[in-house]
């Protein structure tokens, strides 16, 4: 039989984020699945039927994997596995390259399923590496493909990641459009679809909150809250409390924000996903500082974010956002010289930031300059912040920057 069956089985398992034990279910052990994947055991009719059920495929489809693979199929299966291994080790450049090569070979071999999976992985890898425009371009090609248009599960996943990439890039209104389309598709019938649906809801909440549409954002957080039950994993429950806490902070309900972020901190584990844990600590530090919560727990979140990002690796934008946390912490604690030094570093690379984050940098800079008595420079910073917020579609925050600038102009007349 060769390794065709085992390679294809492993690829399909990894594409669904299943462990060998989860794929085997109650009937087959993880070690037996490992033997199948390494071609040291051949599948029986019974196991083909069970694997098909677990993977939500027809038994005929799974049985076809046992046929001898062509050289082309063997190569793109190898590249597919290489792409997933690179993803697991956070080598996102390697993952994107291998996935794109695999997708091209799969398309030439008329294997649309592998083409779709690898193209999707390439887009995700580009996004994780900070290439948001590249990710959106690849995702747009997926959204326009007939396979996506005819399959709700695929459409849900593509719109969800497109929404997340748009949010990362600061294209808030486009993010809202794609996240809404994903949410309207629904939660589907599989765990994978439900996970994508929850992520789309979280992205929608984030984009609405960043855009100042807080009532709509809060309504969707209630839907998220209803999704948490006794069967919800700690990681997913933690992320939901994280999002609810974010919106509570922005709504100036500091008490609710602290409560939900405390739950998130308890549920999210660095051992499960260090990257998400790093992002959570960055996010909770930011909304705490925005609410003026200057306490040891806030500083601890900043330090955790710095440490975790140094381990998992961070994009230029993420490193600048962490510097912005430190700058705001210094400003709120009255260390204006240190805050200005950090903000100078950030402003020198402001084009690396999404427009609304660059707006935050300029707004904090204006606050520090105003507190230092440098009013003319503060006025310029506030106007820069307003322009950046308008470009991102964050009109409520643009109004805050405009009000600061107007106050300085009024005070000087």
Protein backbone atom coordinates (compact mmCIF):
# COMPACT_ATOMS: atom_id res chain seq x y z
CA UNK A 1 0.00 0.00 0.00
CA UNK A 2 2.89 2.40 0.64
CA UNK A 3 2.42 5.54 2.70
CA UNK A 4 -0.41 7.14 0.70
CA UNK A 5 -3.14 6.11 3.16
CA UNK A 6 -1.13 7.05 6.24
CA UNK A 7 -0.04 10.41 4.84
CA UNK A 8 -3.57 11.30 3.80
CA UNK A 9 -4.99 10.18 7.14
CA UNK A 10 -2.49 12.31 9.02
CA UNK A 11 -3.17 15.32 6.80
CA UNK A 12 -6.93 15.08 7.30
CA UNK A 13 -6.50 14.62 11.06
CA UNK A 14 -4.23 17.64 11.41
CA UNK A 15 -6.50 19.79 9.23
CA UNK A 16 -9.21 19.19 11.85
CA UNK A 17 -6.85 19.80 14.80
CA UNK A 18 -7.49 16.29 16.14
CA UNK A 19 -5.06 14.27 18.24
CA UNK A 20 -4.48 10.64 17.37
CA UNK A 21 -6.49 9.69 20.45
CA UNK A 22 -9.42 11.90 19.44
CA UNK A 23 -9.44 10.42 15.94
CA UNK A 24 -9.40 6.87 17.31
CA UNK A 25 -12.30 7.64 19.63
CA UNK A 26 -13.46 4.88 21.95
CA UNK A 27 -12.65 2.05 19.53
CA UNK A 28 -9.02 2.60 18.54
CA UNK A 29 -6.03 3.74 20.57
CA UNK A 30 -3.73 6.62 19.71
CA UNK A 31 -0.90 4.14 19.18
CA UNK A 32 -2.99 2.23 16.61
CA UNK A 33 -3.72 5.45 14.71
CA UNK A 34 0.03 6.14 14.79
CA UNK A 35 0.67 2.73 13.23
CA UNK A 36 -1.82 3.50 10.45
CA UNK A 37 -0.23 6.88 9.77
CA UNK A 38 3.25 5.39 9.59
CA UNK A 39 2.02 2.60 7.25
CA UNK A 40 2.85 -0.14 9.78
CA UNK A 41 -0.77 -1.30 9.81
CA UNK A 42 -3.29 -1.56 6.99
CA UNK A 43 -6.87 -0.39 7.59
CA UNK A 44 -9.71 -2.88 7.78
CA UNK A 45 -13.20 -2.20 6.49
CA UNK A 46 -14.37 -1.52 10.04
CA UNK A 47 -11.70 1.06 10.76
CA UNK A 48 -12.25 2.76 7.41
CA UNK A 49 -15.91 3.10 8.38
CA UNK A 50 -15.01 4.50 11.83
CA UNK A 51 -12.39 6.90 10.46
CA UNK A 52 -14.87 8.16 7.89
CA UNK A 53 -17.38 8.83 10.66
CA UNK A 54 -14.84 10.69 12.80
CA UNK A 55 -13.61 12.76 9.85
CA UNK A 56 -17.12 13.34 8.50
CA UNK A 57 -16.25 11.80 5.14
CA UNK A 58 -17.78 8.95 3.15
CA UNK A 59 -16.24 5.49 3.62
CA UNK A 60 -15.55 5.39 -0.13
CA UNK A 61 -13.44 8.55 0.14
CA UNK A 62 -11.33 7.10 2.95
CA UNK A 63 -11.00 3.76 1.16
CA UNK A 64 -9.63 5.51 -1.94
CA UNK A 65 -6.62 6.66 0.08
CA UNK A 66 -5.36 3.09 0.06
CA UNK A 67 -4.76 3.27 -3.69
CA UNK A 68 -1.18 3.78 -4.84
CA UNK A 69 -0.34 7.47 -4.89
CA UNK A 70 1.12 9.16 -7.97
CA UNK A 71 4.48 10.95 -7.57
CA UNK A 72 2.64 14.27 -7.74
CA UNK A 73 0.21 13.27 -4.99
CA UNK A 74 3.03 11.98 -2.80
CA UNK A 75 4.85 15.28 -3.18
CA UNK A 76 1.94 17.52 -2.25
CA UNK A 77 1.02 15.26 0.65
CA UNK A 78 4.63 15.60 1.86
CA UNK A 79 4.48 19.37 1.47
CA UNK A 80 1.12 19.46 3.26
CA UNK A 81 2.57 17.67 6.28
CA UNK A 82 5.64 19.92 6.17
CA UNK A 83 3.38 22.99 6.16
CA UNK A 84 1.47 21.77 9.22
CA UNK A 85 4.68 20.92 11.06
CA UNK A 86 5.99 24.42 10.32
CA UNK A 87 2.71 25.86 11.62
CA UNK A 88 2.99 23.85 14.83
CA UNK A 89 6.49 25.23 15.44
CA UNK A 90 5.34 28.78 14.59
CA UNK A 91 7.50 28.92 11.47
CA UNK A 92 4.82 30.85 9.63
CA UNK A 93 6.99 31.78 6.65
CA UNK A 94 7.85 28.11 6.11
CA UNK A 95 4.23 27.10 6.62
CA UNK A 96 3.00 29.65 4.06
CA UNK A 97 5.57 28.60 1.46
CA UNK A 98 5.02 24.83 1.86
CA UNK A 99 1.25 25.24 1.92
CA UNK A 100 1.24 27.34 -1.25
CA UNK A 101 3.46 24.83 -3.08
CA UNK A 102 1.19 22.00 -1.91
CA UNK A 103 -1.89 23.91 -3.04
CA UNK A 104 -0.44 24.48 -6.52
CA UNK A 105 0.41 20.78 -6.93
CA UNK A 106 -2.99 19.71 -5.61
CA UNK A 107 -4.73 22.00 -8.08
CA UNK A 108 -2.67 20.56 -10.95
CA UNK A 109 -3.64 17.07 -9.75
CA UNK A 110 -7.32 18.08 -9.64
CA UNK A 111 -7.58 17.62 -5.86
CA UNK A 112 -9.76 20.60 -4.85
CA UNK A 113 -10.09 19.56 -1.20
CA UNK A 114 -6.34 19.58 -0.56
CA UNK A 115 -6.02 22.74 -2.65
CA UNK A 116 -8.57 24.47 -0.41
CA UNK A 117 -7.07 23.26 2.87
CA UNK A 118 -3.54 24.27 1.88
CA UNK A 119 -4.60 27.65 0.49
CA UNK A 120 -6.45 28.32 3.73
CA UNK A 121 -3.40 27.33 5.77
CA UNK A 122 -1.21 29.62 3.63
CA UNK A 123 -3.57 32.54 4.32
CA UNK A 124 -3.59 31.82 8.05
CA UNK A 125 0.21 31.63 8.07
CA UNK A 126 0.53 34.95 6.25
CA UNK A 127 -1.79 36.55 8.79
CA UNK A 128 0.16 35.13 11.73
CA UNK A 129 3.34 36.52 10.19
CA UNK A 130 1.81 40.01 9.98
CA UNK A 131 1.26 40.03 6.20
CA UNK A 132 -2.39 41.04 6.42
CA UNK A 133 -2.75 42.27 2.84
CA UNK A 134 -1.24 39.02 1.53
CA UNK A 135 -3.57 36.98 3.73
CA UNK A 136 -6.62 38.93 2.53
CA UNK A 137 -5.63 38.47 -1.11
CA UNK A 138 -5.38 34.69 -0.67
CA UNK A 139 -8.62 34.54 1.31
CA UNK A 140 -10.44 36.54 -1.36
CA UNK A 141 -9.44 33.89 -3.92
CA UNK A 142 -10.96 31.26 -1.61
CA UNK A 143 -14.17 33.21 -1.11
CA UNK A 144 -14.61 33.55 -4.87
CA UNK A 145 -14.10 29.82 -5.51
CA UNK A 146 -17.16 27.66 -6.19
CA UNK A 147 -16.08 25.15 -3.53
CA UNK A 148 -16.40 27.85 -0.87
CA UNK A 149 -19.60 29.38 -2.21
CA UNK A 150 -21.31 25.99 -2.23
CA UNK A 151 -20.18 24.89 1.25
CA UNK A 152 -21.31 26.77 4.35
CA UNK A 153 -18.58 25.27 6.54
CA UNK A 154 -15.82 26.47 4.21
CA UNK A 155 -17.46 29.84 3.72
CA UNK A 156 -17.71 30.29 7.49
CA UNK A 157 -14.00 29.57 7.99
CA UNK A 158 -12.88 31.83 5.14
CA UNK A 159 -15.04 34.78 6.23
CA UNK A 160 -13.93 34.33 9.85
CA UNK A 161 -10.22 34.51 9.07
CA UNK A 162 -10.76 37.34 6.56
CA UNK A 163 -12.54 39.29 9.31
CA UNK A 164 -9.67 38.66 11.73
CA UNK A 165 -7.06 39.74 9.15
CA UNK A 166 -9.05 42.90 8.40
CA UNK A 167 -9.27 43.67 12.12
CA UNK A 168 -5.52 43.15 12.49
CA UNK A 169 -4.94 45.54 9.59
CA UNK A 170 -7.25 48.18 11.08
CA UNK A 171 -9.91 47.89 8.34
CA UNK A 172 -12.68 47.90 10.89
CA UNK A 173 -15.70 48.25 8.64
CA UNK A 174 -14.55 45.49 6.28
CA UNK A 175 -13.87 43.30 9.32
CA UNK A 176 -17.43 43.87 10.53
CA UNK A 177 -18.83 42.92 7.11
CA UNK A 178 -16.95 39.61 6.91
CA UNK A 179 -17.49 38.72 10.58
CA UNK A 180 -21.22 39.37 10.18
CA UNK A 181 -21.36 37.12 7.13
CA UNK A 182 -19.58 34.36 9.07
CA UNK A 183 -21.90 34.69 12.08
CA UNK A 184 -25.00 34.67 9.86
CA UNK A 185 -23.93 31.30 8.41
CA UNK A 186 -24.34 29.85 11.89
CA UNK A 187 -22.54 27.42 14.17
CA UNK A 188 -22.93 24.35 11.94
CA UNK A 189 -22.95 20.72 13.03
CA UNK A 190 -19.30 20.02 13.80
CA UNK A 191 -16.93 21.12 16.54
CA UNK A 192 -14.74 22.78 13.91
CA UNK A 193 -17.63 24.88 12.60
CA UNK A 194 -18.74 25.82 16.11
CA UNK A 195 -15.20 26.93 16.94
CA UNK A 196 -15.02 29.06 13.78
CA UNK A 197 -18.43 30.55 14.61
CA UNK A 198 -17.29 31.52 18.11
CA UNK A 199 -14.12 33.06 16.72
CA UNK A 200 -16.16 35.02 14.18
CA UNK A 201 -18.38 36.30 16.99
CA UNK A 202 -15.30 37.37 18.97
CA UNK A 203 -13.89 39.17 15.93
CA UNK A 204 -17.22 40.87 15.29
CA UNK A 205 -17.37 42.05 18.89
CA UNK A 206 -13.81 43.37 18.68
CA UNK A 207 -14.35 45.23 15.42
CA UNK A 208 -17.63 46.76 16.62
CA UNK A 209 -16.05 47.85 19.90
CA UNK A 210 -13.04 49.38 18.13
CA UNK A 211 -15.49 51.24 15.85
CA UNK A 212 -17.38 52.66 18.82
CA UNK A 213 -20.54 50.61 18.20
CA UNK A 214 -20.60 49.48 21.81
CA UNK A 215 -24.29 48.61 22.14
CA UNK A 216 -24.06 46.22 19.18
CA UNK A 217 -20.82 44.76 20.54
CA UNK A 218 -22.39 44.17 23.95
CA UNK A 219 -25.40 42.43 22.39
CA UNK A 220 -23.08 39.94 20.71
CA UNK A 221 -21.15 39.38 23.94
CA UNK A 222 -24.40 38.12 25.46
CA UNK A 223 -24.58 35.52 22.68
CA UNK A 224 -21.00 34.53 23.47
CA UNK A 225 -21.79 34.24 27.16
CA UNK A 226 -24.68 31.88 26.41
CA UNK A 227 -22.23 29.57 24.59
CA UNK A 228 -20.34 28.83 27.81
CA UNK A 229 -21.53 25.69 29.58
CA UNK A 230 -20.11 22.77 31.53
CA UNK A 231 -18.85 21.13 28.32
CA UNK A 232 -17.00 24.22 27.08
CA UNK A 233 -13.23 23.81 27.21
CA UNK A 234 -11.31 26.05 29.59
CA UNK A 235 -9.46 27.66 26.67
CA UNK A 236 -12.61 28.61 24.77
CA UNK A 237 -14.38 29.79 27.95
CA UNK A 238 -11.34 31.89 28.82
CA UNK A 239 -11.31 33.55 25.41
CA UNK A 240 -15.00 34.35 25.70
CA UNK A 241 -14.53 35.97 29.11
CA UNK A 242 -11.58 37.85 27.62
CA UNK A 243 -13.77 39.37 24.87
CA UNK A 244 -16.64 40.20 27.24
CA UNK A 245 -14.19 41.88 29.61
CA UNK A 246 -12.73 43.96 26.78
CA UNK A 247 -16.12 45.39 25.88
CA UNK A 248 -16.99 46.00 29.53
CA UNK A 249 -13.82 48.03 29.97
CA UNK A 250 -14.53 50.08 26.83
CA UNK A 251 -18.06 50.69 28.10
CA UNK A 252 -16.38 52.05 31.25
CA UNK A 253 -17.80 49.24 33.37
CA UNK A 254 -14.47 48.60 35.06
CA UNK A 255 -15.92 46.29 37.66
CA UNK A 256 -17.36 43.91 35.06
CA UNK A 257 -14.18 44.17 33.00
CA UNK A 258 -12.00 43.15 35.91
CA UNK A 259 -14.36 40.29 36.80
CA UNK A 260 -14.37 38.77 33.31
CA UNK A 261 -10.64 39.24 32.78
CA UNK A 262 -9.94 37.61 36.14
CA UNK A 263 -11.95 34.59 34.95
CA UNK A 264 -10.08 34.61 31.64
CA UNK A 265 -6.73 34.75 33.44
CA UNK A 266 -7.74 31.72 35.51
CA UNK A 267 -8.95 29.70 32.52
CA UNK A 268 -6.34 30.49 29.88
CA UNK A 269 -3.20 28.44 30.21
CA UNK A 270 0.24 29.22 28.78
CA UNK A 271 0.88 25.49 28.55
CA UNK A 272 -2.10 25.05 26.19
CA UNK A 273 -1.43 28.02 23.90
CA UNK A 274 1.40 30.33 24.90
CA UNK A 275 0.77 32.64 21.94
CA UNK A 276 -2.86 33.29 22.90
CA UNK A 277 -1.85 33.70 26.54
CA UNK A 278 0.64 36.36 25.44
CA UNK A 279 -2.05 38.13 23.44
CA UNK A 280 -4.49 38.00 26.34
CA UNK A 281 -2.03 39.60 28.72
CA UNK A 282 -1.29 42.32 26.16
CA UNK A 283 -5.02 42.95 25.70
CA UNK A 284 -5.92 42.99 29.39
CA UNK A 285 -3.03 45.34 30.16
CA UNK A 286 -4.17 47.70 27.43
CA UNK A 287 -7.83 47.95 28.47
CA UNK A 288 -6.82 48.25 32.13
CA UNK A 289 -4.53 51.15 31.30
CA UNK A 290 -7.19 52.75 29.12
CA UNK A 291 -9.53 52.60 32.13
CA UNK A 292 -6.80 54.11 34.34
CA UNK A 293 -6.34 50.93 36.37
CA UNK A 294 -2.75 51.35 37.54
CA UNK A 295 -2.11 48.53 39.98
CA UNK A 296 0.29 45.58 40.38
CA UNK A 297 -1.98 43.24 38.39
CA UNK A 298 -1.74 45.56 35.38
CA UNK A 299 2.05 45.67 35.54
CA UNK A 300 2.09 41.88 35.91
CA UNK A 301 0.05 41.55 32.71
CA UNK A 302 2.52 43.79 30.86
CA UNK A 303 5.47 41.73 32.10
CA UNK A 304 3.76 38.45 31.22
CA UNK A 305 3.06 39.73 27.73
CA UNK A 306 6.66 40.83 27.27
CA UNK A 307 8.01 37.49 28.46
CA UNK A 308 5.60 35.31 26.48
CA UNK A 309 6.08 37.25 23.26
CA UNK A 310 9.85 36.99 23.65
CA UNK A 311 9.45 33.19 23.76
CA UNK A 312 6.93 32.63 20.97
CA UNK A 313 8.27 35.40 18.76
CA UNK A 314 6.48 38.60 17.85
CA UNK A 315 5.91 40.60 14.70
CA UNK A 316 7.18 44.17 14.45
CA UNK A 317 3.65 45.43 15.09
CA UNK A 318 3.29 43.29 18.22
CA UNK A 319 6.60 44.53 19.61
CA UNK A 320 5.51 48.12 19.00
CA UNK A 321 2.19 47.46 20.76
CA UNK A 322 4.07 46.11 23.78
CA UNK A 323 6.24 49.25 23.81
CA UNK A 324 3.02 51.26 23.72
CA UNK A 325 1.84 49.45 26.84
CA UNK A 326 5.03 50.47 28.63
CA UNK A 327 4.72 54.04 27.39
CA UNK A 328 1.17 54.34 28.69
CA UNK A 329 2.16 52.76 32.00
CA UNK A 330 4.98 55.32 32.35
CA UNK A 331 2.64 58.18 31.45
CA UNK A 332 0.02 57.17 34.01
CA UNK A 333 2.73 56.85 36.66
CA UNK A 334 4.15 60.31 35.86
CA UNK A 335 7.39 59.19 34.18
CA UNK A 336 7.00 61.49 31.17
CA UNK A 337 10.62 61.35 29.89
CA UNK A 338 10.58 57.54 29.65
CA UNK A 339 7.14 57.59 28.05
CA UNK A 340 8.34 60.10 25.43
CA UNK A 341 11.42 58.01 24.67
CA UNK A 342 9.31 54.91 24.00
CA UNK A 343 6.72 56.84 22.00
CA UNK A 344 9.49 58.28 19.84
CA UNK A 345 10.56 54.73 18.94
CA UNK A 346 6.98 53.80 18.15
CA UNK A 347 6.27 56.87 16.03
CA UNK A 348 9.41 56.21 13.99
CA UNK A 349 7.81 52.92 12.89
CA UNK A 350 4.15 53.97 12.92
CA UNK A 351 3.57 52.61 9.41
CA UNK A 352 4.03 49.11 10.83
CA UNK A 353 0.91 49.58 12.99
CA UNK A 354 -2.75 49.27 12.05
CA UNK A 355 -4.26 52.77 11.70
CA UNK A 356 -6.31 52.60 14.90
CA UNK A 357 -3.29 51.43 16.93
CA UNK A 358 -1.18 54.18 15.37
CA UNK A 359 -3.98 56.50 16.46
CA UNK A 360 -3.62 55.22 20.03
CA UNK A 361 0.11 55.96 19.88
CA UNK A 362 -0.47 59.54 18.73
CA UNK A 363 -3.18 60.04 21.35
CA UNK A 364 -0.92 58.89 24.19
CA UNK A 365 1.85 61.07 22.77
CA UNK A 366 -0.50 64.05 22.83
CA UNK A 367 -1.40 63.29 26.46
CA UNK A 368 2.25 63.12 27.50
CA UNK A 369 3.20 66.29 25.63
CA UNK A 370 0.23 68.16 27.07
CA UNK A 371 1.10 67.01 30.59
CA UNK A 372 4.68 68.19 29.95
CA UNK A 373 3.46 71.66 28.93
CA UNK A 374 4.46 71.25 25.28
CA UNK A 375 1.08 72.34 23.95
CA UNK A 376 1.92 73.08 20.31
CA UNK A 377 3.45 69.63 19.88
CA UNK A 378 0.51 68.08 21.73
CA UNK A 379 -1.89 69.77 19.33
CA UNK A 380 -0.07 68.22 16.37
CA UNK A 381 -0.13 64.77 17.99
CA UNK A 382 -3.87 64.98 18.65
CA UNK A 383 -4.51 65.98 15.05
CA UNK A 384 -2.40 63.04 13.86
CA UNK A 385 -4.42 60.75 16.13
CA UNK A 386 -7.68 62.08 14.71
CA UNK A 387 -6.54 61.48 11.12
CA UNK A 388 -5.40 57.94 11.89
CA UNK A 389 -8.64 57.05 13.67
CA UNK A 390 -10.72 58.41 10.78
CA UNK A 391 -8.70 56.31 8.34
CA UNK A 392 -9.46 53.22 10.43
CA UNK A 393 -13.15 54.03 10.78
CA UNK A 394 -12.86 54.50 14.59
CA UNK A 395 -14.92 57.67 14.56
CA UNK A 396 -15.69 57.79 18.30
CA UNK A 397 -11.99 57.78 19.10
CA UNK A 398 -11.39 60.36 16.38
CA UNK A 399 -13.88 62.55 18.22
CA UNK A 400 -11.90 62.13 21.47
CA UNK A 401 -8.70 63.27 19.74
CA UNK A 402 -10.55 66.18 18.11
CA UNK A 403 -11.92 67.28 21.49
CA UNK A 404 -8.42 67.24 23.01
CA UNK A 405 -7.10 69.37 20.14
CA UNK A 406 -10.03 71.77 20.39
CA UNK A 407 -9.48 72.18 24.13
CA UNK A 408 -5.83 73.15 23.61
CA UNK A 409 -6.79 75.60 20.85
CA UNK A 410 -9.46 77.12 23.11
CA UNK A 411 -7.13 77.42 26.09
CA UNK A 412 -4.52 79.22 23.98
CA UNK A 413 -6.92 81.88 22.64
